[in-house]
Amino acid sequence: MENKSNFKVLIADDDSAGSRRFIEFLSQRGFEAQYVETGEAAKQTIASWRPHFVIYDLTLQGLNAPQLLTWITQNPEFVEAKPKVIVTSGHSIVSNIKECIKLGAVDYVVRPFKFEDILTRLVFHIQKKRELLSDAKSKAKLDGGDLYLNLLDVVLREAQSQRETEDTLFNITKMLSITLKAVRCSLIQVAEDRLSGTVLVSSDDKEGKAKGIVIDMNKYPEVIHVMNTEKSVVIEDLEYDPMLAKIKDLVKGISFNSMIVLPVRRNGEIFGVVSARMDKEHSKFNERDIRFAQLVAHIIGLVLNKGSYIPHELYAILKAPPPKDEAS
């Protein structure tokens, strides 16, 4: 069809009938797509066709997903431009998810899935992600109040024995929402199988009406990405992203607003995420925004810990207006 996006997708699966239907679905939405049925054919097609995405069955004949990911990583041809591999599987064993992500997969999808769910993942991974600074780089880059918040962040990582109430969780998400000028900040607990999540609090829901709502994680690829990688993700200026311009008109029902999503840990284990979605007028994040949001995510982890509380001194810091940028 016309108006192709030039994004190439290779489907590697021994279900030929399902793969053909999937190719038709993707083609109707502006993607170029092919499919292969064996691992060896996948390697040959990746090397010659250079797809942007590979949707790969975990246990594909002749070459399983970890072996394919290792081949891509070790192949000097892909040093500058590696295909993004989305692994599919009939189960959601956490150890398999972690292994695939560690080896370089960008996503892991559990079958059976809807084609629309994979489309949502593809759009998410096409969107440009802002590179986040490590703690060491942040300390070198930031100064003044930002540096203080950064150092406080490091201290709070070690403070895992404090406690507060459900109201505190709402207050903290509200503070984050006000600081970032976000439309909504939500705390979401994600099930271990990554298939569903439960809304615990939202900054725009003081009455708690959204509490306990169960959501389909396939509709939130950014949350799945953070859960799988256990790293924050920041996406901004999506409305004007030229990379997406060609497929926006073909893809309906997928949100393109800017966002920041951060992992939340409870007792040292990944628990869920705190997510902030922005409106079109506030689509940029500065380093202060990101570091403050990361700080809040750690604090939420402390509140969730059994027997934890937030000290009074910390409330004073959280309630204080954020430091202004020197350029402003």
Protein backbone atom coordinates (compact mmCIF):
# COMPACT_ATOMS: atom_id res chain seq x y z
CA MET A 1 0.00 0.00 0.00
CA GLU A 2 1.03 3.64 -0.32
CA ASN A 3 2.39 5.77 2.51
CA LYS A 4 4.76 3.09 3.79
CA SER A 5 6.73 4.02 6.90
CA ASN A 6 9.83 2.08 5.76
CA PHE A 7 9.96 0.24 9.07
CA LYS A 8 10.81 -3.40 8.34
CA VAL A 9 9.53 -6.22 10.56
CA LEU A 10 10.73 -9.82 10.33
CA ILE A 11 8.50 -12.45 11.93
CA ALA A 12 10.35 -15.65 12.86
CA ASP A 13 7.78 -18.31 13.79
CA ASP A 14 6.86 -21.80 12.59
CA ASP A 15 3.16 -20.85 12.46
CA SER A 16 3.04 -19.94 8.77
CA ALA A 17 -0.70 -19.26 8.64
CA GLY A 18 -0.59 -16.94 11.65
CA SER A 19 2.53 -15.21 10.30
CA ARG A 20 0.86 -14.50 6.96
CA ARG A 21 -2.12 -12.93 8.73
CA PHE A 22 0.26 -10.88 10.85
CA ILE A 23 2.13 -9.66 7.76
CA GLU A 24 -1.14 -8.51 6.20
CA PHE A 25 -2.08 -6.71 9.42
CA LEU A 26 1.25 -4.88 9.58
CA SER A 27 1.25 -4.02 5.89
CA GLN A 28 -2.12 -2.35 6.24
CA ARG A 29 -0.58 -0.10 8.90
CA GLY A 30 2.42 1.08 6.94
CA PHE A 31 5.06 -1.52 7.81
CA GLU A 32 7.07 -3.76 5.51
CA ALA A 33 6.98 -7.33 6.79
CA GLN A 34 8.34 -10.79 6.00
CA TYR A 35 8.31 -14.10 7.83
CA VAL A 36 10.61 -17.12 8.15
CA GLU A 37 10.09 -20.48 9.85
CA THR A 38 13.59 -21.42 11.05
CA GLY A 39 16.43 -19.84 12.94
CA GLU A 40 18.88 -20.25 10.06
CA ALA A 41 16.47 -18.50 7.67
CA ALA A 42 16.08 -15.72 10.25
CA LYS A 43 19.86 -15.16 10.37
CA GLN A 44 20.10 -15.02 6.57
CA THR A 45 17.18 -12.60 6.27
CA ILE A 46 18.44 -10.34 9.06
CA ALA A 47 21.85 -10.14 7.38
CA SER A 48 20.49 -9.40 3.90
CA TRP A 49 17.25 -7.48 4.50
CA ARG A 50 18.30 -5.59 7.65
CA PRO A 51 14.90 -5.36 9.40
CA HIS A 52 14.31 -2.76 12.10
CA PHE A 53 12.41 -5.31 14.20
CA VAL A 54 12.55 -9.09 14.62
CA ILE A 55 9.59 -10.76 16.32
CA TYR A 56 11.16 -14.07 17.35
CA ASP A 57 9.77 -17.25 18.90
CA LEU A 58 11.69 -18.14 22.07
CA THR A 59 12.14 -21.80 21.03
CA LEU A 60 12.31 -21.49 17.24
CA GLN A 61 13.65 -24.57 15.47
CA GLY A 62 17.41 -24.62 15.02
CA LEU A 63 18.14 -21.43 16.95
CA ASN A 64 16.40 -20.30 20.11
CA ALA A 65 16.00 -16.64 21.03
CA PRO A 66 19.01 -16.41 23.41
CA GLN A 67 21.21 -17.92 20.70
CA LEU A 68 19.93 -15.45 18.11
CA LEU A 69 20.47 -12.52 20.47
CA THR A 70 24.02 -13.69 21.15
CA TRP A 71 24.68 -13.98 17.41
CA ILE A 72 23.44 -10.43 16.80
CA THR A 73 25.49 -9.00 19.68
CA GLN A 74 28.69 -10.73 18.58
CA ASN A 75 28.27 -9.94 14.86
CA PRO A 76 30.36 -6.89 13.88
CA GLU A 77 27.88 -6.11 11.08
CA PHE A 78 25.40 -4.88 13.68
CA VAL A 79 27.68 -2.68 15.76
CA GLU A 80 26.06 0.54 14.51
CA ALA A 81 22.51 -0.63 13.76
CA LYS A 82 21.14 -3.70 15.49
CA PRO A 83 17.61 -4.97 14.84
CA LYS A 84 15.30 -4.66 17.81
CA VAL A 85 14.29 -8.15 18.88
CA ILE A 86 10.90 -8.82 20.47
CA VAL A 87 10.80 -12.34 21.89
CA THR A 88 7.49 -14.24 21.97
CA SER A 89 6.74 -17.22 24.17
CA GLY A 90 3.88 -19.30 25.50
CA HIS A 91 4.91 -18.63 29.09
CA SER A 92 6.11 -15.77 31.27
CA ILE A 93 8.88 -17.33 33.34
CA VAL A 94 10.72 -14.37 34.87
CA SER A 95 14.16 -15.98 34.48
CA ASN A 96 13.60 -16.33 30.72
CA ILE A 97 12.44 -12.72 30.45
CA LYS A 98 15.52 -11.48 32.32
CA GLU A 99 17.88 -13.61 30.23
CA CYS A 100 16.46 -12.33 26.95
CA ILE A 101 16.52 -8.70 28.08
CA LYS A 102 20.08 -9.11 29.37
CA LEU A 103 21.14 -10.51 26.00
CA GLY A 104 19.68 -7.53 24.16
CA ALA A 105 15.98 -8.15 23.48
CA VAL A 106 13.90 -4.98 23.71
CA ASP A 107 10.70 -6.79 24.69
CA TYR A 108 9.13 -10.11 25.65
CA VAL A 109 5.51 -10.88 24.71
CA VAL A 110 3.47 -13.80 26.02
CA ARG A 111 1.23 -15.74 23.64
CA PRO A 112 -1.57 -15.75 22.81
CA PHE A 113 -1.45 -12.09 21.87
CA LYS A 114 -3.49 -9.77 19.71
CA PHE A 115 -1.84 -8.21 16.67
CA GLU A 116 -2.86 -4.83 18.09
CA ASP A 117 -0.77 -5.55 21.19
CA ILE A 118 2.36 -6.14 19.11
CA LEU A 119 1.60 -2.99 17.12
CA THR A 120 1.52 -1.05 20.37
CA ARG A 121 4.93 -2.47 21.31
CA LEU A 122 6.37 -1.59 17.88
CA VAL A 123 5.17 2.00 18.14
CA PHE A 124 6.61 2.28 21.64
CA HIS A 125 10.03 1.03 20.54
CA ILE A 126 10.04 3.31 17.49
CA GLN A 127 9.63 6.34 19.73
CA LYS A 128 12.88 8.00 20.66
CA LYS A 129 13.96 7.48 24.26
CA ARG A 130 15.98 10.07 26.08
CA GLU A 131 19.29 8.76 27.37
CA LEU A 132 19.36 9.03 31.14
CA LEU A 133 22.52 9.96 32.98
CA SER A 134 24.02 7.53 35.44
CA ASP A 135 24.44 8.65 39.04
CA ALA A 136 28.12 9.43 38.46
CA LYS A 137 27.40 11.51 35.34
CA SER A 138 24.52 13.26 37.10
CA LYS A 139 26.77 14.35 39.94
CA ALA A 140 29.28 15.74 37.48
CA LYS A 141 26.59 17.57 35.49
CA LEU A 142 24.30 18.92 38.19
CA ASP A 143 24.96 21.54 40.81
CA GLY A 144 23.13 23.53 43.48
CA GLY A 145 19.75 22.15 44.46
CA ASP A 146 19.90 19.50 41.75
CA LEU A 147 23.10 18.06 43.15
CA TYR A 148 21.53 18.03 46.63
CA LEU A 149 18.54 16.06 45.37
CA ASN A 150 20.87 13.71 43.55
CA LEU A 151 22.87 13.01 46.70
CA LEU A 152 19.69 12.62 48.69
CA ASP A 153 18.54 10.08 46.11
CA VAL A 154 21.65 7.98 46.77
CA VAL A 155 21.08 8.16 50.55
CA LEU A 156 17.46 7.10 50.22
CA ARG A 157 18.44 4.04 48.24
CA GLU A 158 20.04 2.77 51.44
CA ALA A 159 17.17 3.72 53.71
CA GLN A 160 14.85 0.74 53.36
CA SER A 161 13.23 0.59 56.79
CA GLN A 162 10.56 3.30 56.87
CA ARG A 163 6.79 3.47 56.76
CA GLU A 164 3.71 5.59 55.93
CA THR A 165 0.05 5.37 54.90
CA GLU A 166 -1.99 5.13 51.72
CA ASP A 167 -2.69 8.86 51.95
CA THR A 168 1.04 9.48 51.77
CA LEU A 169 1.25 7.60 48.49
CA PHE A 170 -1.45 9.84 47.06
CA ASN A 171 0.26 12.97 48.41
CA ILE A 172 3.59 11.96 46.91
CA THR A 173 2.14 11.24 43.46
CA LYS A 174 0.31 14.55 43.68
CA MET A 175 3.57 16.36 44.51
CA LEU A 176 5.26 14.70 41.56
CA SER A 177 2.38 15.63 39.28
CA ILE A 178 2.56 19.28 40.34
CA THR A 179 6.35 19.40 39.99
CA LEU A 180 6.36 17.89 36.51
CA LYS A 181 3.11 19.64 35.46
CA ALA A 182 1.81 16.21 34.56
CA VAL A 183 -1.76 15.39 33.60
CA ARG A 184 -1.64 12.31 35.81
CA CYS A 185 0.86 10.42 37.98
CA SER A 186 -0.09 6.88 38.90
CA LEU A 187 1.38 4.13 41.04
CA ILE A 188 0.79 0.74 39.42
CA GLN A 189 1.54 -2.65 40.92
CA VAL A 190 2.40 -5.14 38.16
CA ALA A 191 1.76 -8.87 38.44
CA GLU A 192 4.78 -11.16 38.30
CA ASP A 193 3.68 -12.57 34.93
CA ARG A 194 3.60 -9.00 33.50
CA LEU A 195 0.12 -9.62 32.07
CA SER A 196 -1.87 -7.35 34.37
CA GLY A 197 -1.43 -4.43 36.72
CA THR A 198 -3.40 -2.84 39.53
CA VAL A 199 -3.78 0.89 40.03
CA LEU A 200 -2.96 1.75 43.66
CA VAL A 201 -3.18 5.56 43.55
CA SER A 202 -3.48 8.32 40.96
CA SER A 203 -2.71 11.98 41.49
CA ASP A 204 -6.07 13.08 40.00
CA ASP A 205 -8.12 10.61 42.06
CA LYS A 206 -8.30 11.91 45.62
CA GLU A 207 -11.41 9.87 46.38
CA GLY A 208 -9.64 6.65 45.45
CA LYS A 209 -12.19 5.59 42.83
CA ALA A 210 -9.44 4.22 40.56
CA LYS A 211 -7.87 2.15 43.34
CA GLY A 212 -7.94 -1.55 42.57
CA ILE A 213 -8.70 -1.19 38.87
CA VAL A 214 -7.00 -4.01 36.98
CA ILE A 215 -5.43 -3.03 33.65
CA ASP A 216 -4.15 -5.06 30.70
CA MET A 217 -0.39 -4.59 30.52
CA ASN A 218 -0.41 -5.22 26.77
CA LYS A 219 -1.91 -1.74 26.47
CA TYR A 220 1.03 -0.19 28.32
CA PRO A 221 4.29 -1.21 26.61
CA GLU A 222 6.21 1.51 28.44
CA VAL A 223 5.32 -0.14 31.77
CA ILE A 224 6.32 -3.59 30.52
CA HIS A 225 9.61 -2.13 29.27
CA VAL A 226 10.42 -0.64 32.67
CA MET A 227 9.44 -3.84 34.48
CA ASN A 228 11.58 -5.99 32.18
CA THR A 229 14.65 -3.74 32.19
CA GLU A 230 14.15 -2.33 35.70
CA LYS A 231 15.28 1.03 34.29
CA SER A 232 13.49 4.35 33.90
CA VAL A 233 12.23 5.44 30.50
CA VAL A 234 11.67 9.02 29.33
CA ILE A 235 9.89 9.86 26.08
CA GLU A 236 9.25 13.43 25.02
CA ASP A 237 7.92 15.53 22.14
CA LEU A 238 6.12 12.57 20.59
CA GLU A 239 3.56 14.75 18.83
CA TYR A 240 6.26 16.21 16.60
CA ASP A 241 8.50 13.17 16.21
CA PRO A 242 9.30 12.87 12.47
CA MET A 243 10.06 9.17 12.90
CA LEU A 244 6.40 8.58 13.70
CA ALA A 245 4.88 11.03 11.24
CA LYS A 246 4.27 8.43 8.54
CA ILE A 247 2.45 5.95 10.75
CA LYS A 248 0.47 8.22 13.09
CA ASP A 249 -2.38 8.51 10.62
CA LEU A 250 -2.41 4.75 10.14
CA VAL A 251 -2.24 3.87 13.83
CA LYS A 252 -5.35 4.74 15.77
CA GLY A 253 -5.98 4.52 19.49
CA ILE A 254 -2.33 4.70 20.61
CA SER A 255 -1.32 7.59 22.84
CA PHE A 256 1.61 9.73 21.71
CA ASN A 257 1.95 12.05 24.69
CA SER A 258 5.26 12.51 26.49
CA MET A 259 5.87 10.45 29.61
CA ILE A 260 8.30 9.36 32.27
CA VAL A 261 7.97 5.89 33.80
CA LEU A 262 10.13 4.74 36.72
CA PRO A 263 10.59 1.38 38.44
CA VAL A 264 9.42 1.03 42.04
CA ARG A 265 11.01 -1.59 44.27
CA ARG A 266 9.60 -3.06 47.44
CA ASN A 267 11.99 -4.82 49.81
CA GLY A 268 14.57 -4.84 47.03
CA GLU A 269 12.33 -6.53 44.44
CA ILE A 270 10.67 -4.92 41.42
CA PHE A 271 7.09 -4.12 42.44
CA GLY A 272 5.62 -1.86 39.80
CA VAL A 273 6.03 1.61 38.36
CA VAL A 274 5.18 5.23 38.93
CA SER A 275 4.09 6.78 35.65
CA ALA A 276 3.68 10.46 34.74
CA ARG A 277 1.91 11.47 31.52
CA MET A 278 2.19 14.98 30.14
CA ASP A 279 0.01 17.23 28.00
CA LYS A 280 1.15 18.86 24.75
CA GLU A 281 2.13 22.10 26.49
CA HIS A 282 4.59 20.37 28.81
CA SER A 283 6.42 17.81 26.71
CA LYS A 284 10.04 18.35 27.82
CA PHE A 285 11.88 17.13 30.91
CA ASN A 286 15.02 18.77 32.29
CA GLU A 287 17.55 16.92 34.44
CA ARG A 288 15.90 18.30 37.59
CA ASP A 289 12.58 16.79 36.56
CA ILE A 290 14.10 13.38 35.94
CA ARG A 291 16.19 13.26 39.10
CA PHE A 292 13.28 14.46 41.22
CA ALA A 293 11.02 11.80 39.71
CA GLN A 294 13.62 9.11 40.36
CA LEU A 295 13.87 10.31 43.94
CA VAL A 296 10.11 10.06 44.33
CA ALA A 297 10.12 6.51 42.95
CA HIS A 298 12.66 5.49 45.61
CA ILE A 299 10.62 7.17 48.32
CA ILE A 300 7.51 5.29 47.22
CA GLY A 301 9.52 2.10 47.56
CA LEU A 302 10.33 3.06 51.14
CA VAL A 303 6.69 3.74 51.92
CA LEU A 304 5.72 0.34 50.52
CA ASN A 305 8.28 -1.44 52.67
CA LYS A 306 6.81 -3.08 55.72
CA GLY A 307 7.26 -0.92 58.79
CA SER A 308 8.51 2.08 56.82
CA TYR A 309 7.78 5.75 57.29
CA ILE A 310 8.92 9.01 55.77
CA PRO A 311 10.78 11.27 58.20
CA HIS A 312 9.41 14.75 58.83
CA GLU A 313 12.55 16.38 57.45
CA LEU A 314 12.01 14.73 54.10
CA TYR A 315 8.49 16.13 53.82
CA ALA A 316 9.96 19.62 54.05
CA ILE A 317 12.19 18.88 51.08
CA LEU A 318 9.39 17.34 49.04
CA LYS A 319 6.96 20.17 49.71
CA ALA A 320 9.47 22.88 48.91
CA PRO A 321 9.28 24.33 45.38
CA PRO A 322 11.86 22.79 43.05
CA PRO A 323 14.99 24.86 42.38
CA LYS A 324 14.83 27.05 39.28
CA ASP A 325 17.13 26.40 36.37
CA GLU A 326 19.94 28.93 36.16
CA ALA A 327 18.91 29.82 32.60
CA SER A 328 15.37 30.72 33.66
